[in-house]
Every structure is written in C-alpha cells, then in structure tokens.
C-alpha cells in the first residue's frame, strides 16, 4: 500500500528523487528474474510519497510477472493517482538478459520553468556500473 504525507513547503516547487538500484520483477513468459535501476523524479503539489511504503511497493513486484514497459507505467500511474504531482518523470534502466538492455522512460509533461531537474546519470549499458 502506497502512503502519502503532506508536502512540506506547499506552494514551492522542488524536485524529489527516489533511486532504486536493485529493483526486481519477473519475466511474464519465462518466470526468470529481471533487474532494473529505477529513478523517479517528481515535483510535489500537496503530497509526497512516504518512503518506506514506496520501498515495500517496489518489493511487491518481486513475485509479479510483468513486461518492462508495463511495470514502468504501472509505477508511474500509481504515483500520479496517489500524489497528483505538478510533474513526474520515471526512468527504468533494465539490466540485459540475452545481451539486450531495455530502458523505459516516461514523464507527465514539461517540468515547470525555473525548476532544477538534474540528469538521471544512469550510464548506458556497459555493465551498468
């Protein structure tokens, strides 16, 4: 269950970043594990996500079979529904199986002007590290 708490400094625009370098889910076809490095950036409106609940939410994917694209969008949809942020961006950088990494990106629109949004800085696949 994802939980939210009131955003501090409501009305000011700042970026919150969550990074999960050890995300795990299952391939829906083979049942084999898939691993990803996830970076989520968002600008709160009235709510921020409670970090422990996000960690447990991520852990719930360990036994779920889903394609990379569907998993990425499921996370994005849940955060948008819960938080109604000013802006949200998610990047999922999947480690390769079969020699081909799949990276999935989505954002809710253009970030507001004047807000510093740092690069996600996850390197293109060369061992991802």
N, C-alpha and C. Protein backbone atom coordinates (compact mmCIF):
# COMPACT_ATOMS: atom_id res chain seq x y z
N UNK A 1 0.85 -1.18 0.00
CA UNK A 1 0.00 0.00 0.00
C UNK A 1 0.89 1.23 0.00
N UNK A 2 0.75 2.04 -1.01
CA UNK A 2 1.50 3.30 -1.05
C UNK A 2 0.82 4.32 -0.14
N UNK A 3 1.61 5.02 0.64
CA UNK A 3 1.08 6.04 1.54
C UNK A 3 1.66 7.39 1.17
N UNK A 4 0.93 8.42 1.53
CA UNK A 4 1.38 9.78 1.27
C UNK A 4 1.30 10.59 2.55
N UNK A 5 2.09 11.65 2.58
CA UNK A 5 2.06 12.60 3.69
C UNK A 5 2.04 14.00 3.08
N UNK A 6 1.63 14.96 3.88
CA UNK A 6 1.55 16.34 3.39
C UNK A 6 2.94 16.83 2.99
N UNK A 7 2.99 17.51 1.87
CA UNK A 7 4.26 18.05 1.37
C UNK A 7 4.67 19.26 2.21
N UNK A 8 5.93 19.28 2.63
CA UNK A 8 6.40 20.48 3.32
C UNK A 8 6.54 21.62 2.29
N UNK A 9 6.42 22.82 2.74
CA UNK A 9 6.55 24.00 1.88
C UNK A 9 5.62 23.92 0.68
N UNK A 10 4.38 23.57 0.93
CA UNK A 10 3.38 23.53 -0.15
C UNK A 10 3.37 24.87 -0.87
N UNK A 11 3.31 24.82 -2.17
CA UNK A 11 3.31 26.03 -2.97
C UNK A 11 4.67 26.37 -3.55
N UNK A 12 5.73 25.76 -3.02
CA UNK A 12 7.06 25.95 -3.58
C UNK A 12 7.38 24.75 -4.47
N UNK A 13 8.12 24.99 -5.53
CA UNK A 13 8.43 23.90 -6.45
C UNK A 13 9.85 23.41 -6.24
N UNK A 14 9.95 22.14 -5.87
CA UNK A 14 11.23 21.48 -5.67
C UNK A 14 11.10 20.05 -6.17
N UNK A 15 12.23 19.45 -6.51
CA UNK A 15 12.24 18.10 -7.06
C UNK A 15 12.59 17.10 -5.96
N UNK A 16 11.82 16.03 -5.90
CA UNK A 16 12.11 14.90 -5.01
C UNK A 16 12.56 13.76 -5.90
N UNK A 17 13.65 13.09 -5.51
CA UNK A 17 14.18 11.97 -6.30
C UNK A 17 14.24 10.72 -5.43
N UNK A 18 13.75 9.62 -6.01
CA UNK A 18 13.94 8.29 -5.43
C UNK A 18 14.73 7.46 -6.42
N UNK A 19 15.73 6.75 -5.92
CA UNK A 19 16.54 5.88 -6.75
C UNK A 19 16.50 4.48 -6.15
N UNK A 20 16.19 3.51 -6.97
CA UNK A 20 16.15 2.11 -6.54
C UNK A 20 17.05 1.31 -7.48
N UNK A 21 18.32 1.11 -7.09
CA UNK A 21 19.26 0.43 -7.99
C UNK A 21 19.13 -1.09 -8.01
N UNK A 22 18.26 -1.66 -7.18
CA UNK A 22 18.14 -3.12 -7.10
C UNK A 22 16.69 -3.57 -7.23
N UNK A 23 15.95 -2.98 -8.15
CA UNK A 23 14.55 -3.35 -8.38
C UNK A 23 14.50 -4.72 -9.06
N UNK A 24 13.53 -5.54 -8.65
CA UNK A 24 13.40 -6.89 -9.20
C UNK A 24 11.94 -7.18 -9.53
N UNK A 25 11.73 -7.81 -10.67
CA UNK A 25 10.42 -8.33 -11.05
C UNK A 25 10.65 -9.62 -11.83
N UNK A 26 9.60 -10.22 -12.34
CA UNK A 26 9.73 -11.47 -13.09
C UNK A 26 9.29 -11.30 -14.53
N UNK A 27 9.95 -12.00 -15.43
CA UNK A 27 9.52 -12.04 -16.82
C UNK A 27 8.20 -12.82 -16.86
N UNK A 28 7.16 -12.27 -17.48
CA UNK A 28 5.87 -12.96 -17.50
C UNK A 28 5.87 -14.20 -18.38
N UNK A 29 6.85 -14.34 -19.27
CA UNK A 29 6.89 -15.51 -20.15
C UNK A 29 7.73 -16.64 -19.59
N UNK A 30 8.89 -16.29 -19.04
CA UNK A 30 9.81 -17.34 -18.58
C UNK A 30 9.83 -17.52 -17.07
N UNK A 31 9.36 -16.53 -16.33
CA UNK A 31 9.43 -16.58 -14.88
C UNK A 31 10.81 -16.25 -14.34
N UNK A 32 11.74 -15.92 -15.23
CA UNK A 32 13.09 -15.56 -14.82
C UNK A 32 13.09 -14.15 -14.23
N UNK A 33 14.01 -13.89 -13.28
CA UNK A 33 14.05 -12.55 -12.69
C UNK A 33 14.58 -11.51 -13.66
N UNK A 34 14.03 -10.32 -13.57
CA UNK A 34 14.52 -9.15 -14.30
C UNK A 34 14.91 -8.11 -13.26
N UNK A 35 16.02 -7.41 -13.52
CA UNK A 35 16.55 -6.43 -12.58
C UNK A 35 16.64 -5.07 -13.25
N UNK A 36 16.38 -4.03 -12.47
CA UNK A 36 16.42 -2.68 -13.02
C UNK A 36 16.97 -1.70 -12.00
N UNK A 37 17.44 -0.60 -12.53
CA UNK A 37 17.82 0.59 -11.75
C UNK A 37 16.74 1.62 -12.07
N UNK A 38 15.97 2.03 -11.08
CA UNK A 38 14.85 2.94 -11.30
C UNK A 38 15.17 4.30 -10.68
N UNK A 39 14.87 5.35 -11.43
CA UNK A 39 15.00 6.72 -10.93
C UNK A 39 13.66 7.42 -11.15
N UNK A 40 13.11 7.96 -10.07
CA UNK A 40 11.84 8.70 -10.12
C UNK A 40 12.10 10.11 -9.61
N UNK A 41 11.73 11.09 -10.41
CA UNK A 41 11.80 12.49 -10.02
C UNK A 41 10.38 13.05 -10.07
N UNK A 42 10.02 13.84 -9.06
CA UNK A 42 8.72 14.49 -9.13
C UNK A 42 8.73 15.81 -8.38
N UNK A 43 7.82 16.67 -8.77
CA UNK A 43 7.61 17.95 -8.09
C UNK A 43 6.28 17.83 -7.37
N UNK A 44 6.31 17.85 -6.03
CA UNK A 44 5.06 17.69 -5.28
C UNK A 44 4.12 18.86 -5.45
N UNK A 45 2.84 18.55 -5.30
CA UNK A 45 1.82 19.59 -5.21
C UNK A 45 1.44 19.71 -3.73
N UNK A 46 0.61 18.80 -3.26
CA UNK A 46 0.18 18.82 -1.85
C UNK A 46 0.70 17.62 -1.06
N UNK A 47 1.21 16.60 -1.79
CA UNK A 47 1.58 15.34 -1.14
C UNK A 47 2.96 14.88 -1.58
N UNK A 48 3.64 14.16 -0.66
CA UNK A 48 4.86 13.43 -1.00
C UNK A 48 4.62 11.97 -0.65
N UNK A 49 5.33 11.08 -1.33
CA UNK A 49 5.17 9.66 -1.04
C UNK A 49 5.99 9.31 0.21
N UNK A 50 5.42 8.50 1.06
CA UNK A 50 6.13 8.04 2.25
C UNK A 50 7.14 6.99 1.80
N UNK A 51 8.41 7.19 2.11
CA UNK A 51 9.49 6.40 1.51
C UNK A 51 9.45 4.92 1.86
N UNK A 52 9.11 4.56 3.07
CA UNK A 52 9.06 3.13 3.42
C UNK A 52 7.96 2.44 2.62
N UNK A 53 6.84 3.09 2.45
CA UNK A 53 5.76 2.47 1.67
C UNK A 53 6.18 2.30 0.21
N UNK A 54 6.98 3.24 -0.32
CA UNK A 54 7.48 3.10 -1.69
C UNK A 54 8.42 1.90 -1.78
N UNK A 55 9.29 1.76 -0.80
CA UNK A 55 10.20 0.61 -0.76
C UNK A 55 9.43 -0.70 -0.74
N UNK A 56 8.40 -0.78 0.08
CA UNK A 56 7.59 -2.00 0.15
C UNK A 56 6.79 -2.21 -1.14
N UNK A 57 6.31 -1.13 -1.74
CA UNK A 57 5.61 -1.21 -3.03
C UNK A 57 6.55 -1.79 -4.09
N UNK A 58 7.77 -1.29 -4.15
CA UNK A 58 8.75 -1.83 -5.09
C UNK A 58 8.99 -3.32 -4.82
N UNK A 59 9.07 -3.70 -3.56
CA UNK A 59 9.29 -5.10 -3.20
C UNK A 59 8.15 -6.01 -3.64
N UNK A 60 6.95 -5.46 -3.78
CA UNK A 60 5.81 -6.28 -4.18
C UNK A 60 5.92 -6.78 -5.62
N UNK A 61 6.81 -6.19 -6.41
CA UNK A 61 6.99 -6.62 -7.80
C UNK A 61 7.85 -7.87 -7.92
N UNK A 62 8.52 -8.28 -6.83
CA UNK A 62 9.44 -9.41 -6.90
C UNK A 62 8.79 -10.70 -7.35
N UNK A 63 7.53 -10.87 -7.08
CA UNK A 63 6.83 -12.09 -7.46
C UNK A 63 5.78 -11.86 -8.54
N UNK A 64 5.87 -10.71 -9.20
CA UNK A 64 4.88 -10.34 -10.20
C UNK A 64 5.50 -10.46 -11.59
N UNK A 65 4.82 -11.13 -12.49
CA UNK A 65 5.27 -11.22 -13.87
C UNK A 65 4.75 -10.04 -14.67
N UNK A 66 5.66 -9.26 -15.21
CA UNK A 66 5.27 -8.08 -15.98
C UNK A 66 6.38 -7.70 -16.96
N UNK A 67 5.98 -7.18 -18.10
CA UNK A 67 6.97 -6.67 -19.05
C UNK A 67 7.51 -5.35 -18.54
N UNK A 68 8.71 -4.99 -18.97
CA UNK A 68 9.38 -3.79 -18.51
C UNK A 68 8.51 -2.55 -18.72
N UNK A 69 7.93 -2.44 -19.89
CA UNK A 69 7.12 -1.27 -20.21
C UNK A 69 5.89 -1.17 -19.30
N UNK A 70 5.21 -2.30 -19.09
CA UNK A 70 4.04 -2.32 -18.23
C UNK A 70 4.37 -2.02 -16.79
N UNK A 71 5.48 -2.55 -16.32
CA UNK A 71 5.92 -2.31 -14.95
C UNK A 71 6.20 -0.83 -14.74
N UNK A 72 6.93 -0.23 -15.67
CA UNK A 72 7.27 1.20 -15.58
C UNK A 72 6.00 2.05 -15.51
N UNK A 73 5.08 1.77 -16.40
CA UNK A 73 3.85 2.57 -16.44
C UNK A 73 2.95 2.30 -15.24
N UNK A 74 2.96 1.11 -14.72
CA UNK A 74 2.16 0.80 -13.52
C UNK A 74 2.66 1.64 -12.34
N UNK A 75 3.98 1.72 -12.18
CA UNK A 75 4.55 2.53 -11.11
C UNK A 75 4.18 4.00 -11.31
N UNK A 76 4.36 4.49 -12.53
CA UNK A 76 4.04 5.89 -12.83
C UNK A 76 2.56 6.20 -12.54
N UNK A 77 1.66 5.34 -13.01
CA UNK A 77 0.22 5.56 -12.79
C UNK A 77 -0.12 5.62 -11.31
N UNK A 78 0.43 4.69 -10.53
CA UNK A 78 0.13 4.65 -9.10
C UNK A 78 0.60 5.93 -8.40
N UNK A 79 1.78 6.41 -8.77
CA UNK A 79 2.30 7.63 -8.15
C UNK A 79 1.48 8.85 -8.57
N UNK A 80 1.09 8.91 -9.83
CA UNK A 80 0.26 10.03 -10.30
C UNK A 80 -1.08 10.03 -9.57
N UNK A 81 -1.72 8.85 -9.45
CA UNK A 81 -3.01 8.75 -8.77
C UNK A 81 -2.90 9.13 -7.29
N UNK A 82 -1.83 8.70 -6.64
CA UNK A 82 -1.66 8.94 -5.22
C UNK A 82 -1.30 10.39 -4.91
N UNK A 83 -0.40 10.96 -5.69
CA UNK A 83 0.19 12.24 -5.33
C UNK A 83 -0.36 13.45 -6.08
N UNK A 84 -0.88 13.23 -7.30
CA UNK A 84 -1.26 14.34 -8.17
C UNK A 84 -0.14 15.39 -8.20
N UNK A 85 1.08 14.96 -8.59
CA UNK A 85 2.21 15.90 -8.56
C UNK A 85 2.10 16.95 -9.66
N UNK A 86 2.87 18.01 -9.50
CA UNK A 86 2.97 19.02 -10.54
C UNK A 86 3.60 18.39 -11.78
N UNK A 87 4.59 17.53 -11.56
CA UNK A 87 5.33 16.89 -12.65
C UNK A 87 5.97 15.61 -12.11
N UNK A 88 6.05 14.59 -12.95
CA UNK A 88 6.70 13.33 -12.57
C UNK A 88 7.44 12.77 -13.78
N UNK A 89 8.62 12.20 -13.50
CA UNK A 89 9.42 11.53 -14.53
C UNK A 89 9.92 10.22 -13.93
N UNK A 90 9.88 9.16 -14.73
CA UNK A 90 10.42 7.88 -14.31
C UNK A 90 11.32 7.34 -15.42
N UNK A 91 12.46 6.84 -15.01
CA UNK A 91 13.37 6.14 -15.91
C UNK A 91 13.66 4.77 -15.33
N UNK A 92 13.40 3.72 -16.10
CA UNK A 92 13.73 2.36 -15.66
C UNK A 92 14.79 1.83 -16.60
N UNK A 93 15.92 1.50 -16.01
CA UNK A 93 17.10 1.05 -16.75
C UNK A 93 17.26 -0.44 -16.45
N UNK A 94 16.82 -1.28 -17.37
CA UNK A 94 16.77 -2.72 -17.15
C UNK A 94 18.09 -3.37 -17.54
N UNK A 95 18.58 -4.21 -16.68
CA UNK A 95 19.80 -4.96 -16.98
C UNK A 95 19.48 -5.99 -18.05
N UNK A 96 20.43 -6.28 -18.93
CA UNK A 96 20.11 -7.15 -20.08
C UNK A 96 19.97 -8.61 -19.69
N UNK A 97 19.09 -9.25 -20.42
CA UNK A 97 19.04 -10.71 -20.47
C UNK A 97 19.06 -11.02 -21.95
N UNK A 98 19.91 -11.90 -22.36
CA UNK A 98 20.05 -12.18 -23.78
C UNK A 98 20.86 -11.11 -24.49
N UNK A 99 21.61 -10.31 -23.73
CA UNK A 99 22.51 -9.33 -24.32
C UNK A 99 21.88 -8.01 -24.72
N UNK A 100 20.60 -7.77 -24.37
CA UNK A 100 19.97 -6.54 -24.81
C UNK A 100 19.24 -5.86 -23.64
N UNK A 101 19.74 -4.72 -23.18
CA UNK A 101 19.01 -3.99 -22.14
C UNK A 101 17.80 -3.27 -22.73
N UNK A 102 16.80 -3.07 -21.91
CA UNK A 102 15.62 -2.31 -22.31
C UNK A 102 15.46 -1.19 -21.29
N UNK A 103 15.44 0.04 -21.75
CA UNK A 103 15.24 1.18 -20.87
C UNK A 103 13.91 1.82 -21.24
N UNK A 104 13.14 2.20 -20.22
CA UNK A 104 11.81 2.77 -20.44
C UNK A 104 11.73 4.11 -19.70
N UNK A 105 11.23 5.13 -20.41
CA UNK A 105 11.16 6.47 -19.85
C UNK A 105 9.76 7.04 -20.05
N UNK A 106 9.28 7.80 -19.05
CA UNK A 106 8.00 8.49 -19.18
C UNK A 106 8.03 9.72 -18.29
N UNK A 107 7.39 10.76 -18.74
CA UNK A 107 7.18 11.92 -17.88
C UNK A 107 5.81 12.51 -18.17
N UNK A 108 5.29 13.20 -17.17
CA UNK A 108 3.91 13.69 -17.25
C UNK A 108 3.77 14.96 -18.08
N UNK A 109 4.85 15.52 -18.53
CA UNK A 109 4.82 16.75 -19.33
C UNK A 109 6.14 17.47 -19.16
N UNK A 110 6.17 18.72 -19.53
CA UNK A 110 7.37 19.53 -19.40
C UNK A 110 7.48 20.04 -17.97
N UNK A 111 8.65 19.92 -17.35
CA UNK A 111 8.77 20.46 -15.99
C UNK A 111 8.62 21.98 -16.00
N UNK A 112 8.13 22.54 -14.92
CA UNK A 112 7.95 23.99 -14.86
C UNK A 112 9.28 24.72 -15.06
N UNK A 113 9.19 25.87 -15.69
CA UNK A 113 10.39 26.67 -15.94
C UNK A 113 10.97 27.14 -14.61
N UNK A 114 12.28 27.12 -14.54
CA UNK A 114 12.96 27.62 -13.35
C UNK A 114 13.21 26.56 -12.28
N UNK A 115 12.71 25.34 -12.48
CA UNK A 115 12.95 24.27 -11.51
C UNK A 115 14.16 23.47 -11.98
N UNK A 116 15.11 23.26 -11.08
CA UNK A 116 16.30 22.50 -11.43
C UNK A 116 15.96 21.01 -11.40
N UNK A 117 16.08 20.36 -12.54
CA UNK A 117 15.84 18.93 -12.66
C UNK A 117 17.16 18.30 -13.11
N UNK A 118 17.86 17.63 -12.20
CA UNK A 118 19.15 17.05 -12.57
C UNK A 118 18.99 15.88 -13.53
N UNK A 119 20.05 15.62 -14.29
CA UNK A 119 20.06 14.45 -15.16
C UNK A 119 19.99 13.19 -14.31
N UNK A 120 19.46 12.12 -14.88
CA UNK A 120 19.36 10.88 -14.11
C UNK A 120 20.71 10.19 -13.98
N UNK A 121 21.63 10.43 -14.89
CA UNK A 121 23.01 9.96 -14.79
C UNK A 121 23.17 8.45 -14.60
N UNK A 122 22.29 7.68 -15.19
CA UNK A 122 22.48 6.23 -15.21
C UNK A 122 23.16 5.92 -16.53
N UNK A 123 24.35 5.35 -16.50
CA UNK A 123 25.09 5.16 -17.76
C UNK A 123 24.39 4.17 -18.69
N UNK A 124 24.60 4.37 -19.99
CA UNK A 124 24.16 3.38 -20.96
C UNK A 124 24.81 2.05 -20.62
N UNK A 125 24.23 0.97 -21.03
CA UNK A 125 24.73 -0.32 -20.58
C UNK A 125 26.17 -0.58 -20.97
N UNK A 126 27.00 -0.75 -20.02
CA UNK A 126 28.37 -1.23 -20.12
C UNK A 126 28.64 -1.89 -18.76
N UNK A 127 27.78 -2.78 -18.41
CA UNK A 127 27.87 -3.40 -17.11
C UNK A 127 27.08 -2.62 -16.06
N UNK A 128 26.43 -1.53 -16.48
CA UNK A 128 25.61 -0.67 -15.63
C UNK A 128 26.30 -0.30 -14.33
N UNK A 129 27.59 -0.08 -14.37
CA UNK A 129 28.17 0.28 -13.09
C UNK A 129 29.44 0.98 -13.16
